[in-house]
Protein backbone atom coordinates (compact mmCIF):
# COMPACT_ATOMS: atom_id res chain seq x y z
CA MET A 1 12.52 -18.10 21.85
CA GLN A 2 9.46 -18.02 23.98
CA GLY A 3 6.35 -19.52 22.57
CA ALA A 4 8.45 -20.86 19.62
CA ALA A 5 9.28 -24.41 19.19
CA VAL A 6 12.86 -24.90 18.91
CA LEU A 7 13.55 -28.01 16.71
CA ILE A 8 16.96 -29.78 17.25
CA LEU A 9 18.29 -32.74 14.76
CA VAL A 10 19.57 -35.67 16.89
CA VAL A 11 21.49 -38.23 15.27
CA GLU A 12 22.36 -41.17 16.99
CA ASP A 13 22.30 -44.70 15.98
CA ASP A 14 22.54 -46.02 19.52
CA GLN A 15 18.60 -46.57 20.69
CA LEU A 16 19.55 -46.10 24.32
CA VAL A 17 21.57 -42.94 23.67
CA ARG A 18 18.95 -41.63 21.21
CA ASP A 19 16.54 -42.06 23.90
CA LEU A 20 18.36 -40.53 26.76
CA VAL A 21 19.07 -37.36 24.74
CA THR A 22 15.42 -36.97 23.10
CA ASP A 23 13.76 -37.19 26.36
CA ALA A 24 16.42 -34.89 27.86
CA LEU A 25 15.84 -32.15 25.14
CA SER A 26 12.08 -33.10 25.82
CA ASP A 27 12.16 -32.12 29.20
CA GLY A 28 14.00 -29.02 28.63
CA GLY A 29 11.38 -27.94 26.30
CA PHE A 30 12.75 -28.86 23.10
CA THR A 31 11.76 -30.11 20.05
CA THR A 32 13.63 -32.99 18.73
CA GLU A 33 13.58 -34.73 14.89
CA VAL A 34 15.79 -38.17 15.28
CA SER A 35 18.24 -39.99 12.40
CA VAL A 36 19.85 -42.95 12.98
CA SER A 37 22.38 -42.60 10.39
CA GLY A 38 24.64 -39.93 9.05
CA GLU A 39 23.24 -40.30 5.39
CA ASP A 40 19.72 -39.78 6.71
CA ALA A 41 20.68 -36.81 8.65
CA VAL A 42 22.58 -35.38 5.49
CA LYS A 43 18.86 -35.77 3.31
CA LEU A 44 17.22 -34.36 6.15
CA LEU A 45 19.44 -31.36 6.37
CA LEU A 46 19.43 -30.82 2.36
CA SER A 47 15.52 -30.47 2.35
CA ASP A 48 15.35 -28.31 4.79
CA ALA A 49 17.95 -27.17 6.95
CA THR A 50 16.76 -23.90 8.32
CA LYS A 51 14.18 -25.33 10.27
CA TYR A 52 17.15 -26.59 12.82
CA ARG A 53 18.37 -24.57 15.35
CA ALA A 54 20.97 -27.31 16.85
CA LEU A 55 22.81 -30.08 15.77
CA ILE A 56 23.58 -33.02 18.05
CA THR A 57 25.69 -36.26 16.73
CA ASP A 58 27.32 -39.21 17.40
CA ILE A 59 30.81 -39.01 15.72
CA ASN A 60 30.94 -42.62 15.19
CA LEU A 61 28.07 -43.51 13.30
CA PHE A 62 27.24 -46.79 11.40
CA GLY A 63 27.47 -46.40 7.55
CA THR A 64 30.02 -44.33 5.34
CA VAL A 65 28.59 -40.99 6.53
CA ASP A 66 30.09 -40.19 9.96
CA GLY A 67 29.24 -36.91 12.62
CA TRP A 68 32.12 -35.01 11.61
CA GLN A 69 30.62 -34.89 7.97
CA VAL A 70 27.00 -34.36 9.16
CA GLY A 71 28.54 -31.13 11.10
CA HIS A 72 30.16 -29.87 8.10
CA ARG A 73 27.28 -30.37 6.11
CA ALA A 74 24.92 -28.72 8.64
CA ARG A 75 27.12 -25.54 8.53
CA GLU A 76 27.06 -25.33 4.58
C-alpha cells in the first residue's frame, strides 16, 4: 500500500497501553484512530467501517460492549 495511509482503529480504555500501541503503530508508518470504549468503537464502525484496514482491541473494556462484540461488528 505504498503511498496510501493505512488507518487502524485502536480500541483501548487504558491510557498507558493505548499510547504504547498508537506510538508503535505510528513508528511503523500506520495512521491510527482511537476509541476508548466499545460503544464508541461500534459508532465509528457504523459510520464508515470501510475506512479501517485493521482493528486492534482490548477484550475487557469498560462499559457494556466488550472487545469481542466490537470485533464481531467489524466483521459485519
